[in-house]
Amino acid sequence: MEFQEILGYLAAFFTTASFLPQVYKTWKTKSAEGLSLTMYIVFFTGIVCWLIYGIYLNSMPIILANSVTGICAFLLILMKLKYK
């Protein structure tokens, strides 16, 4: 495995892992008061674009990171709508 690929996996891990505490906290407290719905919708759209780009490049770090981050962002959007 080349250095660039290892770096890609590390970046994917850290950026994706950064969303997990927010998802957990929102789910646990049943409160999404501090979340911006507009920001997460725009962010989710960008993540989907990155995912398509990663698929086009056949880049596993980009595909994995944006798949998991997309799911997290989508869950936060759903919780924001549910826990108004």
N, C-alpha and C. Protein backbone atom coordinates (compact mmCIF):
# COMPACT_ATOMS: atom_id res chain seq x y z
N MET A 1 0.85 -1.18 0.00
CA MET A 1 0.00 0.00 0.00
C MET A 1 0.90 1.24 0.00
N GLU A 2 0.60 2.17 -0.87
CA GLU A 2 1.41 3.37 -1.00
C GLU A 2 1.04 4.40 0.07
N PHE A 3 1.98 5.33 0.30
CA PHE A 3 1.78 6.36 1.31
C PHE A 3 0.52 7.17 1.07
N GLN A 4 0.25 7.52 -0.19
CA GLN A 4 -0.93 8.33 -0.51
C GLN A 4 -2.22 7.61 -0.14
N GLU A 5 -2.25 6.30 -0.35
CA GLU A 5 -3.44 5.53 -0.03
C GLU A 5 -3.63 5.42 1.49
N ILE A 6 -2.53 5.22 2.20
CA ILE A 6 -2.59 5.18 3.67
C ILE A 6 -3.09 6.52 4.20
N LEU A 7 -2.57 7.60 3.65
CA LEU A 7 -3.00 8.94 4.05
C LEU A 7 -4.50 9.13 3.75
N GLY A 8 -4.95 8.63 2.63
CA GLY A 8 -6.37 8.71 2.27
C GLY A 8 -7.24 7.97 3.27
N TYR A 9 -6.82 6.78 3.67
CA TYR A 9 -7.58 6.02 4.66
C TYR A 9 -7.59 6.71 6.02
N LEU A 10 -6.46 7.30 6.41
CA LEU A 10 -6.40 8.04 7.68
C LEU A 10 -7.33 9.25 7.65
N ALA A 11 -7.29 9.99 6.56
CA ALA A 11 -8.17 11.15 6.41
C ALA A 11 -9.63 10.71 6.44
N ALA A 12 -9.93 9.62 5.75
CA ALA A 12 -11.30 9.10 5.73
C ALA A 12 -11.74 8.71 7.13
N PHE A 13 -10.88 8.05 7.87
CA PHE A 13 -11.22 7.62 9.23
C PHE A 13 -11.51 8.82 10.13
N PHE A 14 -10.61 9.78 10.16
CA PHE A 14 -10.76 10.91 11.08
C PHE A 14 -11.94 11.81 10.72
N THR A 15 -12.12 12.10 9.45
CA THR A 15 -13.24 12.98 9.08
C THR A 15 -14.58 12.29 9.30
N THR A 16 -14.64 11.00 9.06
CA THR A 16 -15.87 10.27 9.29
C THR A 16 -16.14 10.10 10.78
N ALA A 17 -15.12 9.76 11.54
CA ALA A 17 -15.27 9.56 12.98
C ALA A 17 -15.71 10.83 13.69
N SER A 18 -15.38 11.98 13.12
CA SER A 18 -15.74 13.24 13.77
C SER A 18 -17.25 13.44 13.84
N PHE A 19 -18.02 12.78 12.99
CA PHE A 19 -19.47 12.92 12.99
C PHE A 19 -20.16 12.00 13.99
N LEU A 20 -19.52 10.93 14.37
CA LEU A 20 -20.18 9.95 15.23
C LEU A 20 -20.62 10.50 16.58
N PRO A 21 -19.81 11.32 17.27
CA PRO A 21 -20.29 11.87 18.54
C PRO A 21 -21.54 12.74 18.39
N GLN A 22 -21.64 13.50 17.30
CA GLN A 22 -22.82 14.34 17.08
C GLN A 22 -24.05 13.49 16.84
N VAL A 23 -23.91 12.45 16.04
CA VAL A 23 -25.04 11.55 15.78
C VAL A 23 -25.49 10.90 17.09
N TYR A 24 -24.52 10.41 17.87
CA TYR A 24 -24.84 9.75 19.13
C TYR A 24 -25.51 10.71 20.11
N LYS A 25 -24.96 11.91 20.25
CA LYS A 25 -25.52 12.90 21.19
C LYS A 25 -26.94 13.29 20.79
N THR A 26 -27.16 13.52 19.51
CA THR A 26 -28.48 13.92 19.04
C THR A 26 -29.48 12.79 19.27
N TRP A 27 -29.08 11.57 19.00
CA TRP A 27 -29.95 10.42 19.20
C TRP A 27 -30.24 10.22 20.69
N LYS A 28 -29.21 10.33 21.51
CA LYS A 28 -29.34 10.07 22.95
C LYS A 28 -30.20 11.15 23.63
N THR A 29 -29.98 12.40 23.29
CA THR A 29 -30.72 13.49 23.95
C THR A 29 -32.07 13.77 23.29
N LYS A 30 -32.27 13.24 22.10
CA LYS A 30 -33.50 13.50 21.32
C LYS A 30 -33.70 15.00 21.08
N SER A 31 -32.56 15.69 20.93
CA SER A 31 -32.61 17.12 20.68
C SER A 31 -31.65 17.48 19.55
N ALA A 32 -32.18 18.19 18.56
CA ALA A 32 -31.37 18.64 17.44
C ALA A 32 -31.40 20.16 17.35
N GLU A 33 -31.65 20.78 18.49
CA GLU A 33 -31.85 22.24 18.55
C GLU A 33 -30.67 23.01 17.97
N GLY A 34 -29.46 22.57 18.23
CA GLY A 34 -28.28 23.30 17.79
C GLY A 34 -27.83 23.01 16.37
N LEU A 35 -28.54 22.13 15.68
CA LEU A 35 -28.14 21.76 14.33
C LEU A 35 -28.84 22.63 13.29
N SER A 36 -28.10 23.00 12.26
CA SER A 36 -28.66 23.78 11.17
C SER A 36 -29.12 22.83 10.07
N LEU A 37 -30.42 22.79 9.82
CA LEU A 37 -30.96 21.92 8.78
C LEU A 37 -30.40 22.29 7.41
N THR A 38 -30.35 23.58 7.13
CA THR A 38 -29.82 24.03 5.83
C THR A 38 -28.37 23.57 5.64
N MET A 39 -27.55 23.74 6.67
CA MET A 39 -26.16 23.33 6.58
C MET A 39 -26.03 21.85 6.29
N TYR A 40 -26.82 21.02 6.99
CA TYR A 40 -26.71 19.58 6.79
C TYR A 40 -27.25 19.13 5.45
N ILE A 41 -28.26 19.81 4.92
CA ILE A 41 -28.75 19.47 3.58
C ILE A 41 -27.70 19.81 2.53
N VAL A 42 -27.08 20.98 2.64
CA VAL A 42 -26.02 21.37 1.70
C VAL A 42 -24.82 20.43 1.85
N PHE A 43 -24.46 20.13 3.09
CA PHE A 43 -23.35 19.22 3.36
C PHE A 43 -23.62 17.84 2.78
N PHE A 44 -24.82 17.31 3.00
CA PHE A 44 -25.19 15.99 2.48
C PHE A 44 -25.10 15.97 0.95
N THR A 45 -25.55 17.04 0.31
CA THR A 45 -25.46 17.13 -1.15
C THR A 45 -24.00 17.07 -1.60
N GLY A 46 -23.14 17.79 -0.90
CA GLY A 46 -21.71 17.75 -1.22
C GLY A 46 -21.11 16.37 -1.02
N ILE A 47 -21.52 15.70 0.05
CA ILE A 47 -21.03 14.35 0.33
C ILE A 47 -21.44 13.39 -0.78
N VAL A 48 -22.68 13.50 -1.25
CA VAL A 48 -23.13 12.65 -2.36
C VAL A 48 -22.29 12.91 -3.61
N CYS A 49 -21.97 14.18 -3.87
CA CYS A 49 -21.10 14.50 -5.02
C CYS A 49 -19.72 13.89 -4.84
N TRP A 50 -19.15 13.98 -3.63
CA TRP A 50 -17.85 13.36 -3.37
C TRP A 50 -17.92 11.84 -3.54
N LEU A 51 -19.02 11.25 -3.11
CA LEU A 51 -19.18 9.80 -3.27
C LEU A 51 -19.20 9.40 -4.74
N ILE A 52 -19.95 10.13 -5.54
CA ILE A 52 -19.99 9.86 -6.98
C ILE A 52 -18.61 10.03 -7.59
N TYR A 53 -17.92 11.07 -7.19
CA TYR A 53 -16.55 11.32 -7.66
C TYR A 53 -15.62 10.16 -7.27
N GLY A 54 -15.74 9.69 -6.03
CA GLY A 54 -14.92 8.57 -5.57
C GLY A 54 -15.20 7.30 -6.34
N ILE A 55 -16.47 7.08 -6.64
CA ILE A 55 -16.84 5.90 -7.45
C ILE A 55 -16.24 6.03 -8.84
N TYR A 56 -16.33 7.22 -9.42
CA TYR A 56 -15.77 7.48 -10.74
C TYR A 56 -14.26 7.20 -10.77
N LEU A 57 -13.55 7.61 -9.69
CA LEU A 57 -12.10 7.38 -9.61
C LEU A 57 -11.75 5.98 -9.11
N ASN A 58 -12.75 5.26 -8.64
CA ASN A 58 -12.53 3.95 -8.02
C ASN A 58 -11.57 4.08 -6.83
N SER A 59 -11.81 5.11 -6.01
CA SER A 59 -10.98 5.39 -4.85
C SER A 59 -11.69 4.93 -3.58
N MET A 60 -11.22 3.81 -3.04
CA MET A 60 -11.87 3.23 -1.87
C MET A 60 -11.89 4.17 -0.66
N PRO A 61 -10.81 4.92 -0.35
CA PRO A 61 -10.92 5.84 0.79
C PRO A 61 -12.03 6.89 0.62
N ILE A 62 -12.17 7.43 -0.57
CA ILE A 62 -13.20 8.43 -0.83
C ILE A 62 -14.58 7.79 -0.76
N ILE A 63 -14.72 6.60 -1.31
CA ILE A 63 -16.00 5.89 -1.30
C ILE A 63 -16.42 5.56 0.12
N LEU A 64 -15.51 4.98 0.90
CA LEU A 64 -15.84 4.59 2.27
C LEU A 64 -16.17 5.79 3.14
N ALA A 65 -15.31 6.80 3.10
CA ALA A 65 -15.51 7.97 3.95
C ALA A 65 -16.83 8.66 3.65
N ASN A 66 -17.12 8.84 2.39
CA ASN A 66 -18.32 9.58 2.03
C ASN A 66 -19.58 8.75 2.15
N SER A 67 -19.47 7.45 2.06
CA SER A 67 -20.63 6.59 2.33
C SER A 67 -21.04 6.69 3.80
N VAL A 68 -20.08 6.52 4.68
CA VAL A 68 -20.38 6.56 6.12
C VAL A 68 -20.77 7.97 6.55
N THR A 69 -20.03 8.98 6.09
CA THR A 69 -20.36 10.36 6.44
C THR A 69 -21.73 10.75 5.89
N GLY A 70 -22.04 10.28 4.69
CA GLY A 70 -23.36 10.55 4.11
C GLY A 70 -24.48 9.96 4.94
N ILE A 71 -24.27 8.73 5.42
CA ILE A 71 -25.27 8.10 6.29
C ILE A 71 -25.43 8.91 7.58
N CYS A 72 -24.31 9.32 8.16
CA CYS A 72 -24.36 10.12 9.40
C CYS A 72 -25.09 11.44 9.17
N ALA A 73 -24.76 12.13 8.10
CA ALA A 73 -25.41 13.41 7.80
C ALA A 73 -26.90 13.21 7.55
N PHE A 74 -27.24 12.15 6.83
CA PHE A 74 -28.65 11.86 6.56
C PHE A 74 -29.39 11.57 7.86
N LEU A 75 -28.78 10.81 8.77
CA LEU A 75 -29.40 10.53 10.06
C LEU A 75 -29.61 11.82 10.86
N LEU A 76 -28.63 12.72 10.81
CA LEU A 76 -28.78 14.00 11.51
C LEU A 76 -29.91 14.84 10.91
N ILE A 77 -30.05 14.79 9.60
CA ILE A 77 -31.16 15.51 8.94
C ILE A 77 -32.50 14.92 9.41
N LEU A 78 -32.59 13.59 9.43
CA LEU A 78 -33.82 12.96 9.88
C LEU A 78 -34.12 13.30 11.34
N MET A 79 -33.10 13.28 12.19
CA MET A 79 -33.31 13.61 13.60
C MET A 79 -33.68 15.08 13.77
N LYS A 80 -33.09 15.95 12.96
CA LYS A 80 -33.45 17.37 13.03
C LYS A 80 -34.92 17.56 12.70
N LEU A 81 -35.40 16.85 11.69
CA LEU A 81 -36.81 16.94 11.32
C LEU A 81 -37.72 16.30 12.38
N LYS A 82 -37.28 15.20 12.96
CA LYS A 82 -38.11 14.49 13.92
C LYS A 82 -38.15 15.18 15.28
N TYR A 83 -37.01 15.71 15.74
CA TYR A 83 -36.92 16.27 17.09
C TYR A 83 -37.05 17.79 17.11
N LYS A 84 -37.77 18.36 16.17
CA LYS A 84 -37.96 19.82 16.14
C LYS A 84 -38.28 20.28 17.51
